[in-house]
């Protein structure tokens, strides 16, 4: 469930990144709204993703999604620091992929208990 929320949160961030610049050119008031919205969405994505990925790392020792998660956030923060929107979008796509892979891994692992899983 956390990964589905994470995917939707990342998609909302992606839509925000694609739509807000257009709205800001038409309605300059959106520039002021944008800063708070961006911080809120990034914070939400980080908390949800962190909870979701850490759970899978602890239970199944699956690190791929966690590495992608941090790579995506590094790209996003790099985009913010350097004001380079394409890198922001790449980072969000990486987050979506990370959540999707984590979700698939959890689905595959649902029946792992009879096979000696340690949790």
PDB file of N, CA and C in Angstrom:
ATOM      1  N   UNK A   1       0.820  -1.198   0.000  1.00  0.00           N
ATOM      2  CA  UNK A   1       0.000   0.000   0.000  1.00  0.00           C
ATOM      3  C   UNK A   1       0.871   1.271   0.000  1.00  0.00           C
ATOM      4  N   UNK A   2       1.991   1.231   0.762  1.00  0.00           N
ATOM      5  CA  UNK A   2       2.861   2.402   0.824  1.00  0.00           C
ATOM      6  C   UNK A   2       3.456   2.713  -0.546  1.00  0.00           C
ATOM      7  N   UNK A   3       3.770   1.662  -1.305  1.00  0.00           N
ATOM      8  CA  UNK A   3       4.346   1.910  -2.631  1.00  0.00           C
ATOM      9  C   UNK A   3       3.320   2.503  -3.583  1.00  0.00           C
ATOM     10  N   UNK A   4       2.074   2.098  -3.475  1.00  0.00           N
ATOM     11  CA  UNK A   4       1.040   2.698  -4.322  1.00  0.00           C
ATOM     12  C   UNK A   4       0.888   4.185  -3.994  1.00  0.00           C
ATOM     13  N   UNK A   5       0.913   4.510  -2.707  1.00  0.00           N
ATOM     14  CA  UNK A   5       0.850   5.921  -2.303  1.00  0.00           C
ATOM     15  C   UNK A   5       2.099   6.651  -2.796  1.00  0.00           C
ATOM     16  N   UNK A   6       3.253   5.994  -2.699  1.00  0.00           N
ATOM     17  CA  UNK A   6       4.498   6.591  -3.175  1.00  0.00           C
ATOM     18  C   UNK A   6       4.486   6.852  -4.671  1.00  0.00           C
ATOM     19  N   UNK A   7       3.943   5.898  -5.431  1.00  0.00           N
ATOM     20  CA  UNK A   7       3.834   6.092  -6.881  1.00  0.00           C
ATOM     21  C   UNK A   7       2.933   7.283  -7.177  1.00  0.00           C
ATOM     22  N   UNK A   8       1.788   7.362  -6.507  1.00  0.00           N
ATOM     23  CA  UNK A   8       0.867   8.479  -6.746  1.00  0.00           C
ATOM     24  C   UNK A   8       1.475   9.807  -6.317  1.00  0.00           C
ATOM     25  N   UNK A   9       2.180   9.810  -5.182  1.00  0.00           N
ATOM     26  CA  UNK A   9       2.828  11.039  -4.725  1.00  0.00           C
ATOM     27  C   UNK A   9       3.875  11.503  -5.737  1.00  0.00           C
ATOM     28  N   UNK A  10       4.665  10.563  -6.235  1.00  0.00           N
ATOM     29  CA  UNK A  10       5.689  10.907  -7.231  1.00  0.00           C
ATOM     30  C   UNK A  10       5.054  11.375  -8.534  1.00  0.00           C
ATOM     31  N   UNK A  11       3.944  10.753  -8.928  1.00  0.00           N
ATOM     32  CA  UNK A  11       3.234  11.193 -10.141  1.00  0.00           C
ATOM     33  C   UNK A  11       2.682  12.605  -9.973  1.00  0.00           C
ATOM     34  N   UNK A  12       2.146  12.892  -8.785  1.00  0.00           N
ATOM     35  CA  UNK A  12       1.640  14.242  -8.523  1.00  0.00           C
ATOM     36  C   UNK A  12       2.784  15.244  -8.602  1.00  0.00           C
ATOM     37  N   UNK A  13       3.942  14.884  -8.040  1.00  0.00           N
ATOM     38  CA  UNK A  13       5.130  15.750  -8.141  1.00  0.00           C
ATOM     39  C   UNK A  13       5.510  15.972  -9.605  1.00  0.00           C
ATOM     40  N   UNK A  14       5.485  14.898 -10.386  1.00  0.00           N
ATOM     41  CA  UNK A  14       5.852  14.991 -11.798  1.00  0.00           C
ATOM     42  C   UNK A  14       4.881  15.905 -12.551  1.00  0.00           C
ATOM     43  N   UNK A  15       3.594  15.730 -12.309  1.00  0.00           N
ATOM     44  CA  UNK A  15       2.589  16.590 -12.946  1.00  0.00           C
ATOM     45  C   UNK A  15       2.812  18.037 -12.507  1.00  0.00           C
ATOM     46  N   UNK A  16       3.078  18.220 -11.220  1.00  0.00           N
ATOM     47  CA  UNK A  16       3.356  19.557 -10.694  1.00  0.00           C
ATOM     48  C   UNK A  16       4.540  20.198 -11.422  1.00  0.00           C
ATOM     49  N   UNK A  17       5.603  19.409 -11.628  1.00  0.00           N
ATOM     50  CA  UNK A  17       6.796  19.943 -12.309  1.00  0.00           C
ATOM     51  C   UNK A  17       6.517  20.305 -13.764  1.00  0.00           C
ATOM     52  N   UNK A  18       5.629  19.573 -14.385  1.00  0.00           N
ATOM     53  CA  UNK A  18       5.330  19.835 -15.789  1.00  0.00           C
ATOM     54  C   UNK A  18       4.305  20.947 -15.975  1.00  0.00           C
ATOM     55  N   UNK A  19       3.357  21.088 -15.041  1.00  0.00           N
ATOM     56  CA  UNK A  19       2.246  22.022 -15.213  1.00  0.00           C
ATOM     57  C   UNK A  19       2.514  23.387 -14.577  1.00  0.00           C
ATOM     58  N   UNK A  20       3.133  23.405 -13.397  1.00  0.00           N
ATOM     59  CA  UNK A  20       3.300  24.671 -12.685  1.00  0.00           C
ATOM     60  C   UNK A  20       4.091  25.726 -13.456  1.00  0.00           C
ATOM     61  N   UNK A  21       5.157  25.366 -14.180  1.00  0.00           N
ATOM     62  CA  UNK A  21       5.835  26.419 -14.955  1.00  0.00           C
ATOM     63  C   UNK A  21       4.912  27.086 -15.987  1.00  0.00           C
ATOM     64  N   UNK A  22       4.033  26.296 -16.566  1.00  0.00           N
ATOM     65  CA  UNK A  22       3.087  26.880 -17.528  1.00  0.00           C
ATOM     66  C   UNK A  22       2.094  27.793 -16.827  1.00  0.00           C
ATOM     67  N   UNK A  23       1.593  27.335 -15.685  1.00  0.00           N
ATOM     68  CA  UNK A  23       0.651  28.169 -14.938  1.00  0.00           C
ATOM     69  C   UNK A  23       1.314  29.446 -14.434  1.00  0.00           C
ATOM     70  N   UNK A  24       2.574  29.336 -14.026  1.00  0.00           N
ATOM     71  CA  UNK A  24       3.283  30.503 -13.498  1.00  0.00           C
ATOM     72  C   UNK A  24       3.505  31.568 -14.563  1.00  0.00           C
ATOM     73  N   UNK A  25       3.631  31.152 -15.810  1.00  0.00           N
ATOM     74  CA  UNK A  25       3.790  32.157 -16.873  1.00  0.00           C
ATOM     75  C   UNK A  25       2.472  32.883 -17.142  1.00  0.00           C
ATOM     76  N   UNK A  26       1.371  32.182 -16.923  1.00  0.00           N
ATOM     77  CA  UNK A  26       0.055  32.798 -17.138  1.00  0.00           C
ATOM     78  C   UNK A  26      -0.390  33.575 -15.901  1.00  0.00           C
ATOM     79  N   UNK A  27      -0.196  32.944 -14.733  1.00  0.00           N
ATOM     80  CA  UNK A  27      -0.615  33.539 -13.465  1.00  0.00           C
ATOM     81  C   UNK A  27       0.596  33.600 -12.522  1.00  0.00           C
ATOM     82  N   UNK A  28       1.259  34.723 -12.429  1.00  0.00           N
ATOM     83  CA  UNK A  28       2.475  34.824 -11.609  1.00  0.00           C
ATOM     84  C   UNK A  28       2.288  34.455 -10.132  1.00  0.00           C
ATOM     85  N   UNK A  29       1.069  34.506  -9.634  1.00  0.00           N
ATOM     86  CA  UNK A  29       0.815  34.143  -8.235  1.00  0.00           C
ATOM     87  C   UNK A  29       1.231  32.691  -7.959  1.00  0.00           C
ATOM     88  N   UNK A  30       1.222  31.855  -8.991  1.00  0.00           N
ATOM     89  CA  UNK A  30       1.604  30.454  -8.819  1.00  0.00           C
ATOM     90  C   UNK A  30       3.073  30.280  -8.435  1.00  0.00           C
ATOM     91  N   UNK A  31       3.907  31.277  -8.708  1.00  0.00           N
ATOM     92  CA  UNK A  31       5.314  31.197  -8.309  1.00  0.00           C
ATOM     93  C   UNK A  31       5.453  31.139  -6.791  1.00  0.00           C
ATOM     94  N   UNK A  32       4.612  31.885  -6.075  1.00  0.00           N
ATOM     95  CA  UNK A  32       4.656  31.882  -4.614  1.00  0.00           C
ATOM     96  C   UNK A  32       4.079  30.581  -4.054  1.00  0.00           C
ATOM     97  N   UNK A  33       3.049  30.071  -4.667  1.00  0.00           N
ATOM     98  CA  UNK A  33       2.435  28.814  -4.231  1.00  0.00           C
ATOM     99  C   UNK A  33       3.390  27.653  -4.496  1.00  0.00           C
ATOM    100  N   UNK A  34       4.139  27.749  -5.580  1.00  0.00           N
ATOM    101  CA  UNK A  34       5.007  26.665  -6.025  1.00  0.00           C
ATOM    102  C   UNK A  34       6.049  26.266  -4.979  1.00  0.00           C
ATOM    103  N   UNK A  35       6.668  27.216  -4.316  1.00  0.00           N
ATOM    104  CA  UNK A  35       7.727  26.901  -3.361  1.00  0.00           C
ATOM    105  C   UNK A  35       7.214  26.041  -2.210  1.00  0.00           C
ATOM    106  N   UNK A  36       6.109  26.404  -1.635  1.00  0.00           N
ATOM    107  CA  UNK A  36       5.534  25.630  -0.540  1.00  0.00           C
ATOM    108  C   UNK A  36       5.043  24.271  -0.999  1.00  0.00           C
ATOM    109  N   UNK A  37       4.446  24.233  -2.160  1.00  0.00           N
ATOM    110  CA  UNK A  37       3.930  22.983  -2.711  1.00  0.00           C
ATOM    111  C   UNK A  37       5.063  21.998  -2.984  1.00  0.00           C
ATOM    112  N   UNK A  38       6.149  22.489  -3.542  1.00  0.00           N
ATOM    113  CA  UNK A  38       7.289  21.638  -3.860  1.00  0.00           C
ATOM    114  C   UNK A  38       7.880  21.028  -2.583  1.00  0.00           C
ATOM    115  N   UNK A  39       8.062  21.837  -1.575  1.00  0.00           N
ATOM    116  CA  UNK A  39       8.613  21.351  -0.308  1.00  0.00           C
ATOM    117  C   UNK A  39       7.679  20.322   0.330  1.00  0.00           C
ATOM    118  N   UNK A  40       6.388  20.587   0.302  1.00  0.00           N
ATOM    119  CA  UNK A  40       5.412  19.649   0.869  1.00  0.00           C
ATOM    120  C   UNK A  40       5.438  18.316   0.131  1.00  0.00           C
ATOM    121  N   UNK A  41       5.390  18.339  -1.186  1.00  0.00           N
ATOM    122  CA  UNK A  41       5.365  17.107  -1.970  1.00  0.00           C
ATOM    123  C   UNK A  41       6.660  16.315  -1.808  1.00  0.00           C
ATOM    124  N   UNK A  42       7.792  16.986  -1.807  1.00  0.00           N
ATOM    125  CA  UNK A  42       9.074  16.291  -1.625  1.00  0.00           C
ATOM    126  C   UNK A  42       9.176  15.669  -0.233  1.00  0.00           C
ATOM    127  N   UNK A  43       8.735  16.382   0.775  1.00  0.00           N
ATOM    128  CA  UNK A  43       8.762  15.839   2.140  1.00  0.00           C
ATOM    129  C   UNK A  43       7.873  14.614   2.250  1.00  0.00           C
ATOM    130  N   UNK A  44       6.692  14.711   1.685  1.00  0.00           N
ATOM    131  CA  UNK A  44       5.758  13.587   1.719  1.00  0.00           C
ATOM    132  C   UNK A  44       6.336  12.379   0.981  1.00  0.00           C
ATOM    133  N   UNK A  45       6.913  12.609  -0.186  1.00  0.00           N
ATOM    134  CA  UNK A  45       7.491  11.511  -0.970  1.00  0.00           C
ATOM    135  C   UNK A  45       8.664  10.873  -0.226  1.00  0.00           C
ATOM    136  N   UNK A  46       9.466  11.677   0.458  1.00  0.00           N
ATOM    137  CA  UNK A  46      10.619  11.147   1.182  1.00  0.00           C
ATOM    138  C   UNK A  46      10.176  10.280   2.361  1.00  0.00           C
ATOM    139  N   UNK A  47       9.199  10.735   3.118  1.00  0.00           N
ATOM    140  CA  UNK A  47       8.722   9.976   4.281  1.00  0.00           C
ATOM    141  C   UNK A  47       8.053   8.682   3.835  1.00  0.00           C
ATOM    142  N   UNK A  48       7.152   8.751   2.888  1.00  0.00           N
ATOM    143  CA  UNK A  48       6.447   7.552   2.416  1.00  0.00           C
ATOM    144  C   UNK A  48       7.429   6.569   1.800  1.00  0.00           C
ATOM    145  N   UNK A  49       8.321   7.062   0.958  1.00  0.00           N
ATOM    146  CA  UNK A  49       9.310   6.191   0.329  1.00  0.00           C
ATOM    147  C   UNK A  49      10.241   5.566   1.340  1.00  0.00           C
ATOM    148  N   UNK A  50      10.718   6.363   2.280  1.00  0.00           N
ATOM    149  CA  UNK A  50      11.611   5.837   3.299  1.00  0.00           C
ATOM    150  C   UNK A  50      10.980   4.708   4.097  1.00  0.00           C
ATOM    151  N   UNK A  51       9.741   4.894   4.493  1.00  0.00           N
ATOM    152  CA  UNK A  51       9.042   3.846   5.241  1.00  0.00           C
ATOM    153  C   UNK A  51       8.857   2.591   4.404  1.00  0.00           C
ATOM    154  N   UNK A  52       8.475   2.769   3.183  1.00  0.00           N
ATOM    155  CA  UNK A  52       8.204   1.638   2.305  1.00  0.00           C
ATOM    156  C   UNK A  52       9.471   0.860   1.978  1.00  0.00           C
ATOM    157  N   UNK A  53      10.522   1.559   1.586  1.00  0.00           N
ATOM    158  CA  UNK A  53      11.741   0.872   1.169  1.00  0.00           C
ATOM    159  C   UNK A  53      12.479   0.243   2.342  1.00  0.00           C
ATOM    160  N   UNK A  54      12.523   0.926   3.467  1.00  0.00           N
ATOM    161  CA  UNK A  54      13.224   0.380   4.628  1.00  0.00           C
ATOM    162  C   UNK A  54      12.546  -0.900   5.113  1.00  0.00           C
ATOM    163  N   UNK A  55      11.241  -0.946   5.040  1.00  0.00           N
ATOM    164  CA  UNK A  55      10.499  -2.143   5.431  1.00  0.00           C
ATOM    165  C   UNK A  55      10.942  -3.342   4.593  1.00  0.00           C
ATOM    166  N   UNK A  56      11.090  -3.152   3.307  1.00  0.00           N
ATOM    167  CA  UNK A  56      11.490  -4.234   2.414  1.00  0.00           C
ATOM    168  C   UNK A  56      12.963  -4.606   2.599  1.00  0.00           C
ATOM    169  N   UNK A  57      13.802  -3.619   2.904  1.00  0.00           N
ATOM    170  CA  UNK A  57      15.223  -3.906   3.157  1.00  0.00           C
ATOM    171  C   UNK A  57      15.353  -4.743   4.429  1.00  0.00           C
ATOM    172  N   UNK A  58      14.655  -4.360   5.469  1.00  0.00           N
ATOM    173  CA  UNK A  58      14.739  -5.072   6.740  1.00  0.00           C
ATOM    174  C   UNK A  58      14.212  -6.495   6.612  1.00  0.00           C
ATOM    175  N   UNK A  59      13.074  -6.662   5.961  1.00  0.00           N
ATOM    176  CA  UNK A  59      12.449  -7.990   5.869  1.00  0.00           C
ATOM    177  C   UNK A  59      13.133  -8.904   4.868  1.00  0.00           C
ATOM    178  N   UNK A  60      13.537  -8.374   3.714  1.00  0.00           N
ATOM    179  CA  UNK A  60      13.987  -9.232   2.615  1.00  0.00           C
ATOM    180  C   UNK A  60      15.405  -8.944   2.133  1.00  0.00           C
ATOM    181  N   UNK A  61      16.090  -7.994   2.759  1.00  0.00           N
ATOM    182  CA  UNK A  61      17.453  -7.632   2.344  1.00  0.00           C
ATOM    183  C   UNK A  61      17.491  -7.239   0.867  1.00  0.00           C
ATOM    184  N   UNK A  62      16.461  -6.534   0.417  1.00  0.00           N
ATOM    185  CA  UNK A  62      16.345  -6.081  -0.974  1.00  0.00           C
ATOM    186  C   UNK A  62      16.723  -4.600  -1.027  1.00  0.00           C
ATOM    187  N   UNK A  63      17.891  -4.295  -1.594  1.00  0.00           N
ATOM    188  CA  UNK A  63      18.444  -2.948  -1.564  1.00  0.00           C
ATOM    189  C   UNK A  63      18.247  -2.160  -2.856  1.00  0.00           C
ATOM    190  N   UNK A  64      17.871  -2.819  -3.932  1.00  0.00           N
ATOM    191  CA  UNK A  64      17.791  -2.153  -5.238  1.00  0.00           C
ATOM    192  C   UNK A  64      16.863  -0.941  -5.205  1.00  0.00           C
ATOM    193  N   UNK A  65      15.679  -1.116  -4.671  1.00  0.00           N
ATOM    194  CA  UNK A  65      14.720  -0.005  -4.633  1.00  0.00           C
ATOM    195  C   UNK A  65      15.207   1.124  -3.747  1.00  0.00           C
ATOM    196  N   UNK A  66      15.844   0.789  -2.642  1.00  0.00           N
ATOM    197  CA  UNK A  66      16.363   1.818  -1.738  1.00  0.00           C
ATOM    198  C   UNK A  66      17.463   2.633  -2.419  1.00  0.00           C
ATOM    199  N   UNK A  67      18.331   1.968  -3.155  1.00  0.00           N
ATOM    200  CA  UNK A  67      19.393   2.668  -3.886  1.00  0.00           C
ATOM    201  C   UNK A  67      18.790   3.584  -4.953  1.00  0.00           C
ATOM    202  N   UNK A  68      17.788   3.080  -5.674  1.00  0.00           N
ATOM    203  CA  UNK A  68      17.107   3.925  -6.668  1.00  0.00           C
ATOM    204  C   UNK A  68      16.407   5.110  -5.997  1.00  0.00           C
ATOM    205  N   UNK A  69      15.800   4.856  -4.852  1.00  0.00           N
ATOM    206  CA  UNK A  69      15.111   5.903  -4.100  1.00  0.00           C
ATOM    207  C   UNK A  69      16.070   7.048  -3.772  1.00  0.00           C
ATOM    208  N   UNK A  70      17.233   6.720  -3.202  1.00  0.00           N
ATOM    209  CA  UNK A  70      18.201   7.760  -2.860  1.00  0.00           C
ATOM    210  C   UNK A  70      18.792   8.415  -4.109  1.00  0.00           C
ATOM    211  N   UNK A  71      18.975   7.647  -5.176  1.00  0.00           N
ATOM    212  CA  UNK A  71      19.465   8.219  -6.437  1.00  0.00           C
ATOM    213  C   UNK A  71      18.465   9.228  -6.993  1.00  0.00           C
ATOM    214  N   UNK A  72      17.188   8.880  -6.932  1.00  0.00           N
ATOM    215  CA  UNK A  72      16.138   9.787  -7.397  1.00  0.00           C
ATOM    216  C   UNK A  72      16.127  11.083  -6.604  1.00  0.00           C
ATOM    217  N   UNK A  73      16.245  10.963  -5.276  1.00  0.00           N
ATOM    218  CA  UNK A  73      16.257  12.165  -4.451  1.00  0.00           C
ATOM    219  C   UNK A  73      17.523  12.993  -4.658  1.00  0.00           C
ATOM    220  N   UNK A  74      18.647  12.336  -4.881  1.00  0.00           N
ATOM    221  CA  UNK A  74      19.871  13.088  -5.191  1.00  0.00           C
ATOM    222  C   UNK A  74      19.691  13.887  -6.488  1.00  0.00           C
ATOM    223  N   UNK A  75      19.068  13.261  -7.480  1.00  0.00           N
ATOM    224  CA  UNK A  75      18.809  13.958  -8.744  1.00  0.00           C
ATOM    225  C   UNK A  75      17.875  15.147  -8.515  1.00  0.00           C
ATOM    226  N   UNK A  76      16.847  14.945  -7.705  1.00  0.00           N
ATOM    227  CA  UNK A  76      15.890  16.022  -7.434  1.00  0.00           C
ATOM    228  C   UNK A  76      16.574  17.181  -6.702  1.00  0.00           C
ATOM    229  N   UNK A  77      17.353  16.860  -5.682  1.00  0.00           N
ATOM    230  CA  UNK A  77      18.036  17.922  -4.949  1.00  0.00           C
ATOM    231  C   UNK A  77      19.087  18.615  -5.820  1.00  0.00           C
ATOM    232  N   UNK A  78      19.749  17.865  -6.679  1.00  0.00           N
ATOM    233  CA  UNK A  78      20.675  18.471  -7.629  1.00  0.00           C
ATOM    234  C   UNK A  78      19.952  19.411  -8.572  1.00  0.00           C
ATOM    235  N   UNK A  79      18.764  19.015  -8.996  1.00  0.00           N
ATOM    236  CA  UNK A  79      17.961  19.864  -9.884  1.00  0.00           C
ATOM    237  C   UNK A  79      17.542  21.151  -9.182  1.00  0.00           C
ATOM    238  N   UNK A  80      17.197  21.037  -7.901  1.00  0.00           N
ATOM    239  CA  UNK A  80      16.785  22.223  -7.142  1.00  0.00           C
ATOM    240  C   UNK A  80      17.981  23.162  -6.954  1.00  0.00           C
ATOM    241  N   UNK A  81      19.121  22.600  -6.580  1.00  0.00           N
ATOM    242  CA  UNK A  81      20.310  23.422  -6.335  1.00  0.00           C
ATOM    243  C   UNK A  81      20.765  24.132  -7.612  1.00  0.00           C
ATOM    244  N   UNK A  82      20.743  23.414  -8.732  1.00  0.00           N
ATOM    245  CA  UNK A  82      21.233  23.974  -9.997  1.00  0.00           C
ATOM    246  C   UNK A  82      20.129  24.544 -10.878  1.00  0.00           C
ATOM    247  N   UNK A  83      18.895  24.510 -10.373  1.00  0.00           N
ATOM    248  CA  UNK A  83      17.745  25.032 -11.108  1.00  0.00           C
ATOM    249  C   UNK A  83      17.666  24.441 -12.517  1.00  0.00           C
ATOM    250  N   UNK A  84      17.703  23.112 -12.577  1.00  0.00           N
ATOM    251  CA  UNK A  84      17.703  22.393 -13.855  1.00  0.00           C
ATOM    252  C   UNK A  84      16.530  21.409 -13.871  1.00  0.00           C
ATOM    253  N   UNK A  85      15.429  21.844 -14.443  1.00  0.00           N
ATOM    254  CA  UNK A  85      14.170  21.093 -14.402  1.00  0.00           C
ATOM    255  C   UNK A  85      14.238  19.688 -15.014  1.00  0.00           C
ATOM    256  N   UNK A  86      14.952  19.458 -16.125  1.00  0.00           N
ATOM    257  CA  UNK A  86      14.999  18.088 -16.662  1.00  0.00           C
ATOM    258  C   UNK A  86      15.547  17.065 -15.658  1.00  0.00           C
ATOM    259  N   UNK A  87      16.508  17.463 -14.849  1.00  0.00           N
ATOM    260  CA  UNK A  87      17.041  16.557 -13.835  1.00  0.00           C
ATOM    261  C   UNK A  87      16.004  16.261 -12.763  1.00  0.00           C
ATOM    262  N   UNK A  88      15.177  17.226 -12.463  1.00  0.00           N
ATOM    263  CA  UNK A  88      14.076  17.057 -11.517  1.00  0.00           C
ATOM    264  C   UNK A  88      13.115  15.973 -12.022  1.00  0.00           C
ATOM    265  N   UNK A  89      12.777  16.053 -13.281  1.00  0.00           N
ATOM    266  CA  UNK A  89      11.860  15.089 -13.889  1.00  0.00           C
ATOM    267  C   UNK A  89      12.490  13.702 -13.923  1.00  0.00           C
ATOM    268  N   UNK A  90      13.772  13.627 -14.236  1.00  0.00           N
ATOM    269  CA  UNK A  90      14.479  12.330 -14.238  1.00  0.00           C
ATOM    270  C   UNK A  90      14.451  11.728 -12.836  1.00  0.00           C
ATOM    271  N   UNK A  91      14.703  12.545 -11.827  1.00  0.00           N
ATOM    272  CA  UNK A  91      14.663  12.062 -10.450  1.00  0.00           C
ATOM    273  C   UNK A  91      13.298  11.517 -10.063  1.00  0.00           C
ATOM    274  N   UNK A  92      12.242  12.193 -10.477  1.00  0.00           N
ATOM    275  CA  UNK A  92      10.888  11.722 -10.175  1.00  0.00           C
ATOM    276  C   UNK A  92      10.576  10.416 -10.895  1.00  0.00           C
ATOM    277  N   UNK A  93      11.019  10.278 -12.120  1.00  0.00           N
ATOM    278  CA  UNK A  93      10.816   9.023 -12.848  1.00  0.00           C
ATOM    279  C   UNK A  93      11.564   7.895 -12.139  1.00  0.00           C
ATOM    280  N   UNK A  94      12.773   8.176 -11.645  1.00  0.00           N
ATOM    281  CA  UNK A  94      13.523   7.171 -10.888  1.00  0.00           C
ATOM    282  C   UNK A  94      12.753   6.765  -9.631  1.00  0.00           C
ATOM    283  N   UNK A  95      12.148   7.736  -8.945  1.00  0.00           N
ATOM    284  CA  UNK A  95      11.342   7.417  -7.752  1.00  0.00           C
ATOM    285  C   UNK A  95      10.162   6.518  -8.098  1.00  0.00           C
ATOM    286  N   UNK A  96       9.498   6.817  -9.198  1.00  0.00           N
ATOM    287  CA  UNK A  96       8.356   5.997  -9.618  1.00  0.00           C
ATOM    288  C   UNK A  96       8.805   4.574  -9.920  1.00  0.00           C
ATOM    289  N   UNK A  97       9.917   4.429 -10.632  1.00  0.00           N
ATOM    290  CA  UNK A  97      10.463   3.101 -10.942  1.00  0.00           C
ATOM    291  C   UNK A  97      10.839   2.367  -9.657  1.00  0.00           C
ATOM    292  N   UNK A  98      11.460   3.074  -8.711  1.00  0.00           N
ATOM    293  CA  UNK A  98      11.852   2.460  -7.444  1.00  0.00           C
ATOM    294  C   UNK A  98      10.635   1.930  -6.691  1.00  0.00           C
ATOM    295  N   UNK A  99       9.575   2.727  -6.626  1.00  0.00           N
ATOM    296  CA  UNK A  99       8.352   2.274  -5.957  1.00  0.00           C
ATOM    297  C   UNK A  99       7.742   1.067  -6.671  1.00  0.00           C
ATOM    298  N   UNK A 100       7.741   1.117  -7.984  1.00  0.00           N
ATOM    299  CA  UNK A 100       7.169   0.007  -8.752  1.00  0.00           C
ATOM    300  C   UNK A 100       7.962  -1.283  -8.511  1.00  0.00           C
ATOM    301  N   UNK A 101       9.282  -1.208  -8.566  1.00  0.00           N
ATOM    302  CA  UNK A 101      10.113  -2.399  -8.323  1.00  0.00           C
ATOM    303  C   UNK A 101       9.935  -2.913  -6.898  1.00  0.00           C
ATOM    304  N   UNK A 102       9.838  -2.007  -5.946  1.00  0.00           N
ATOM    305  CA  UNK A 102       9.628  -2.402  -4.555  1.00  0.00           C
ATOM    306  C   UNK A 102       8.280  -3.109  -4.400  1.00  0.00           C
ATOM    307  N   UNK A 103       7.261  -2.550  -5.041  1.00  0.00           N
ATOM    308  CA  UNK A 103       5.922  -3.144  -5.005  1.00  0.00           C
ATOM    309  C   UNK A 103       5.943  -4.559  -5.589  1.00  0.00           C
ATOM    310  N   UNK A 104       6.610  -4.715  -6.733  1.00  0.00           N
ATOM    311  CA  UNK A 104       6.698  -6.042  -7.356  1.00  0.00           C
ATOM    312  C   UNK A 104       7.444  -7.025  -6.455  1.00  0.00           C
ATOM    313  N   UNK A 105       8.518  -6.572  -5.826  1.00  0.00           N
ATOM    314  CA  UNK A 105       9.300  -7.447  -4.952  1.00  0.00           C
ATOM    315  C   UNK A 105       8.467  -7.882  -3.745  1.00  0.00           C
ATOM    316  N   UNK A 106       7.707  -6.971  -3.179  1.00  0.00           N
ATOM    317  CA  UNK A 106       6.846  -7.315  -2.047  1.00  0.00           C
ATOM    318  C   UNK A 106       5.795  -8.330  -2.484  1.00  0.00           C
ATOM    319  N   UNK A 107       5.209  -8.132  -3.655  1.00  0.00           N
ATOM    320  CA  UNK A 107       4.203  -9.076  -4.170  1.00  0.00           C
ATOM    321  C   UNK A 107       4.812 -10.462  -4.376  1.00  0.00           C
ATOM    322  N   UNK A 108       6.039 -10.532  -4.887  1.00  0.00           N
ATOM    323  CA  UNK A 108       6.719 -11.811  -5.084  1.00  0.00           C
ATOM    324  C   UNK A 108       7.034 -12.472  -3.750  1.00  0.00           C
ATOM    325  N   UNK A 109       7.299 -11.690  -2.737  1.00  0.00           N
ATOM    326  CA  UNK A 109       7.738 -12.204  -1.450  1.00  0.00           C
ATOM    327  C   UNK A 109       6.586 -12.554  -0.516  1.00  0.00           C
ATOM    328  N   UNK A 110       5.342 -12.267  -0.907  1.00  0.00           N
ATOM    329  CA  UNK A 110       4.209 -12.550  -0.026  1.00  0.00           C
ATOM    330  C   UNK A 110       4.158 -14.004   0.409  1.00  0.00           C
ATOM    331  N   UNK A 111       4.553 -14.908  -0.435  1.00  0.00           N
ATOM    332  CA  UNK A 111       4.501 -16.330  -0.095  1.00  0.00           C
ATOM    333  C   UNK A 111       5.835 -16.871   0.372  1.00  0.00           C
ATOM    334  N   UNK A 112       6.727 -16.020   0.871  1.00  0.00           N
ATOM    335  CA  UNK A 112       8.084 -16.470   1.173  1.00  0.00           C
ATOM    336  C   UNK A 112       8.189 -17.231   2.489  1.00  0.00           C
ATOM    337  N   UNK A 113       7.233 -17.117   3.355  1.00  0.00           N
ATOM    338  CA  UNK A 113       7.355 -17.745   4.678  1.00  0.00           C
ATOM    339  C   UNK A 113       7.611 -19.243   4.623  1.00  0.00           C
ATOM    340  N   UNK A 114       6.935 -20.017   3.765  1.00  0.00           N
ATOM    341  CA  UNK A 114       7.225 -21.448   3.735  1.00  0.00           C
ATOM    342  C   UNK A 114       8.623 -21.767   3.210  1.00  0.00           C
ATOM    343  N   UNK A 115       9.274 -20.841   2.559  1.00  0.00           N
ATOM    344  CA  UNK A 115      10.576 -21.090   1.953  1.00  0.00           C
ATOM    345  C   UNK A 115      11.740 -20.647   2.836  1.00  0.00           C
ATOM    346  N   UNK A 116      11.487 -20.400   4.095  1.00  0.00           N
ATOM    347  CA  UNK A 116      12.566 -20.097   5.022  1.00  0.00           C
ATOM    348  C   UNK A 116      12.871 -18.624   5.210  1.00  0.00           C
ATOM    349  N   UNK A 117      11.975 -17.734   4.857  1.00  0.00           N
ATOM    350  CA  UNK A 117      12.205 -16.317   5.090  1.00  0.00           C
ATOM    351  C   UNK A 117      12.283 -16.068   6.608  1.00  0.00           C
ATOM    352  N   UNK A 118      13.146 -15.187   7.038  1.00  0.00           N
ATOM    353  CA  UNK A 118      13.435 -15.024   8.459  1.00  0.00           C
ATOM    354  C   UNK A 118      12.525 -14.029   9.190  1.00  0.00           C
ATOM    355  N   UNK A 119      11.399 -13.661   8.665  1.00  0.00           N
ATOM    356  CA  UNK A 119      10.540 -12.720   9.401  1.00  0.00           C
ATOM    357  C   UNK A 119       9.181 -13.308   9.699  1.00  0.00           C
TER     358      UNK A 119
END
